[in-house]
Amino acid sequence: MPASHARFGTDLRLLRDLEHVKSNRDPGNDLSVIKRPETGKVDLETLTGADNLIQALLLRFLTPVGELAVLGHPDYGSRLAELIGELNTETNRNRAKLYVLQALAAEPRVKKVLSIQVTQNRTAPTQIDINVKLLSIDSDTPLNLVFPFFFEGGVAP
């Protein structure tokens, strides 16, 4: 097993586009499938390596804390959902940064957070862009992750 598989694991692909994730996860349509070229049959798609860690972090950010309590994970998620409906102010952008830091601290595959920048999106007044730079376990190569958060109802205006 390659080192990155052991370090980050393998999981089902739940987010179609890790580069352009939206705050709404397209509920009810989570699993992604691929057609295997060698057999022509359809199978569930998986993610490994750094992409698996990125998906895990995005899902943690998108899940409100407590949402998975009934499944035995009361502390999983982030508090970002508490900001939906708030104004896009410097104070609320700082709260978003704090909530992202808290969520990252709970992820065992994150060794060190190098930086978090939260900026107002220039074209969408209710959107902020959160840029995270971190080191994962057993790696000295920084991992960059950029994702949007929408104050207005959790969807793009």
Protein backbone atom coordinates (compact mmCIF):
# COMPACT_ATOMS: atom_id res chain seq x y z
CA MET A 1 0.00 0.00 0.00
CA PRO A 2 1.51 3.40 -0.97
CA ALA A 3 2.40 5.72 1.91
CA SER A 4 -0.23 8.31 0.94
CA HIS A 5 -2.99 5.65 1.08
CA ALA A 6 -1.92 4.62 4.57
CA ARG A 7 -1.59 8.22 5.71
CA PHE A 8 -4.81 9.64 4.26
CA GLY A 9 -6.91 6.54 3.68
CA THR A 10 -9.41 5.83 0.94
CA ASP A 11 -13.02 6.92 0.95
CA LEU A 12 -16.00 7.19 -1.37
CA ARG A 13 -16.14 10.38 -3.45
CA LEU A 14 -18.99 12.47 -2.04
CA LEU A 15 -18.11 15.86 -3.53
CA ARG A 16 -17.92 16.00 -7.30
CA ASP A 17 -15.64 19.02 -7.60
CA LEU A 18 -13.15 19.60 -4.80
CA GLU A 19 -11.95 22.82 -6.45
CA HIS A 20 -15.35 24.53 -6.69
CA VAL A 21 -17.36 23.17 -3.78
CA LYS A 22 -20.52 25.06 -2.86
CA SER A 23 -21.92 25.38 0.63
CA ASN A 24 -24.91 23.30 -0.38
CA ARG A 25 -23.82 19.71 -0.99
CA ASP A 26 -26.61 18.77 -3.40
CA PRO A 27 -28.32 16.72 -0.67
CA GLY A 28 -29.69 13.37 -1.71
CA ASN A 29 -27.25 13.10 -4.59
CA ASP A 30 -23.97 12.42 -2.81
CA LEU A 31 -22.41 9.27 -4.29
CA SER A 32 -20.35 9.52 -7.45
CA VAL A 33 -19.87 6.63 -9.85
CA ILE A 34 -17.33 5.81 -12.56
CA LYS A 35 -17.27 3.41 -15.46
CA ARG A 36 -14.37 0.97 -15.16
CA PRO A 37 -12.51 0.94 -18.50
CA GLU A 38 -11.35 -2.67 -18.11
CA THR A 39 -14.86 -4.11 -17.58
CA GLY A 40 -17.24 -1.37 -18.72
CA LYS A 41 -19.18 -1.79 -15.48
CA VAL A 42 -20.19 1.06 -13.18
CA ASP A 43 -18.72 1.27 -9.70
CA LEU A 44 -18.63 3.74 -6.82
CA GLU A 45 -15.81 6.27 -7.21
CA THR A 46 -13.17 6.58 -4.49
CA LEU A 47 -10.66 9.20 -3.38
CA THR A 48 -7.21 8.56 -1.98
CA GLY A 49 -4.25 10.63 -0.86
CA ALA A 50 -4.48 14.38 -0.38
CA ASP A 51 -7.82 14.54 -2.24
CA ASN A 52 -9.34 12.32 0.45
CA LEU A 53 -8.10 14.72 3.15
CA ILE A 54 -9.45 17.73 1.24
CA GLN A 55 -12.87 16.10 0.89
CA ALA A 56 -12.87 15.16 4.58
CA LEU A 57 -12.11 18.76 5.57
CA LEU A 58 -14.75 20.22 3.24
CA LEU A 59 -17.38 17.82 4.60
CA ARG A 60 -16.38 18.73 8.16
CA PHE A 61 -16.76 22.46 7.33
CA LEU A 62 -20.16 21.88 5.67
CA THR A 63 -21.59 19.79 8.52
CA PRO A 64 -23.02 21.67 11.52
CA VAL A 65 -21.60 20.51 14.86
CA GLY A 66 -24.03 18.07 16.46
CA GLU A 67 -25.68 16.99 13.21
CA LEU A 68 -24.10 13.52 13.51
CA ALA A 69 -24.67 13.13 17.26
CA VAL A 70 -27.29 10.43 16.72
CA LEU A 71 -24.61 8.41 14.89
CA GLY A 72 -22.18 8.74 17.81
CA HIS A 73 -20.21 11.77 16.59
CA PRO A 74 -21.53 14.72 18.64
CA ASP A 75 -18.45 16.90 18.10
CA TYR A 76 -18.01 16.32 14.36
CA GLY A 77 -18.49 19.30 12.05
CA SER A 78 -17.98 23.04 12.31
CA ARG A 79 -19.86 26.02 13.64
CA LEU A 80 -19.90 27.83 10.26
CA ALA A 81 -23.64 27.17 9.88
CA GLU A 82 -24.23 29.50 12.85
CA LEU A 83 -23.18 32.39 10.57
CA ILE A 84 -25.87 31.80 7.95
CA GLY A 85 -28.18 34.80 7.96
CA GLU A 86 -25.56 37.10 9.52
CA LEU A 87 -24.08 40.14 7.80
CA ASN A 88 -20.78 39.88 5.95
CA THR A 89 -18.81 42.00 8.42
CA GLU A 90 -15.22 41.87 9.62
CA THR A 91 -16.42 40.46 12.95
CA ASN A 92 -18.31 37.63 11.25
CA ARG A 93 -15.38 36.92 8.92
CA ASN A 94 -13.19 36.61 12.04
CA ARG A 95 -15.77 34.25 13.58
CA ALA A 96 -15.63 32.15 10.41
CA LYS A 97 -11.84 31.98 10.75
CA LEU A 98 -12.18 30.84 14.38
CA TYR A 99 -14.75 28.17 13.46
CA VAL A 100 -12.47 26.85 10.69
CA LEU A 101 -9.54 26.70 13.13
CA GLN A 102 -11.67 24.74 15.60
CA ALA A 103 -12.71 22.26 12.90
CA LEU A 104 -9.12 21.81 11.71
CA ALA A 105 -7.97 21.13 15.28
CA ALA A 106 -10.38 18.18 15.43
CA GLU A 107 -8.96 16.53 12.28
CA PRO A 108 -6.20 14.06 13.22
CA ARG A 109 -4.59 14.18 9.74
CA VAL A 110 -3.79 17.91 10.10
CA LYS A 111 -0.35 18.41 11.62
CA LYS A 112 -0.15 22.21 11.52
CA VAL A 113 -2.22 25.11 10.23
CA LEU A 114 0.10 27.53 8.43
CA SER A 115 -2.45 30.23 7.59
CA ILE A 116 -6.12 30.98 7.18
CA GLN A 117 -7.31 33.97 5.18
CA VAL A 118 -10.97 34.93 5.08
CA THR A 119 -11.83 37.55 2.50
CA GLN A 120 -15.03 39.05 1.17
CA ASN A 121 -15.79 37.88 -2.35
CA ARG A 122 -15.68 40.86 -4.74
CA THR A 123 -18.61 39.76 -6.89
CA ALA A 124 -20.98 38.29 -4.28
CA PRO A 125 -21.62 40.47 -1.21
CA THR A 126 -22.93 37.57 0.90
CA GLN A 127 -19.99 35.28 0.11
CA ILE A 128 -16.60 34.95 1.77
CA ASP A 129 -13.67 32.95 0.46
CA ILE A 130 -11.74 30.92 3.02
CA ASN A 131 -8.16 30.05 2.06
CA VAL A 132 -6.46 27.45 4.28
CA LYS A 133 -2.80 26.48 4.06
CA LEU A 134 -1.77 23.52 6.23
CA LEU A 135 0.66 20.70 6.71
CA SER A 136 -0.78 17.22 6.87
CA ILE A 137 0.67 14.42 8.97
CA ASP A 138 3.94 12.97 7.70
CA SER A 139 4.32 15.69 5.06
CA ASP A 140 6.36 18.85 4.71
CA THR A 141 4.53 19.91 1.55
CA PRO A 142 1.84 22.53 2.25
CA LEU A 143 -1.70 21.73 1.20
CA ASN A 144 -3.87 24.62 -0.03
CA LEU A 145 -7.64 24.56 0.23
CA VAL A 146 -9.97 27.36 -0.86
CA PHE A 147 -13.71 27.17 -0.32
CA PRO A 148 -16.62 29.61 -0.34
CA PHE A 149 -19.03 30.26 2.49
CA PHE A 150 -22.36 32.02 1.93
CA PHE A 151 -23.92 34.10 4.70
CA GLU A 152 -27.27 34.26 2.91
CA GLY A 153 -29.09 30.95 3.24
CA GLY A 154 -26.05 28.83 2.49
CA VAL A 155 -26.36 29.18 -1.28
CA ALA A 156 -24.91 31.49 -3.86
CA PRO A 157 -27.06 34.56 -4.57
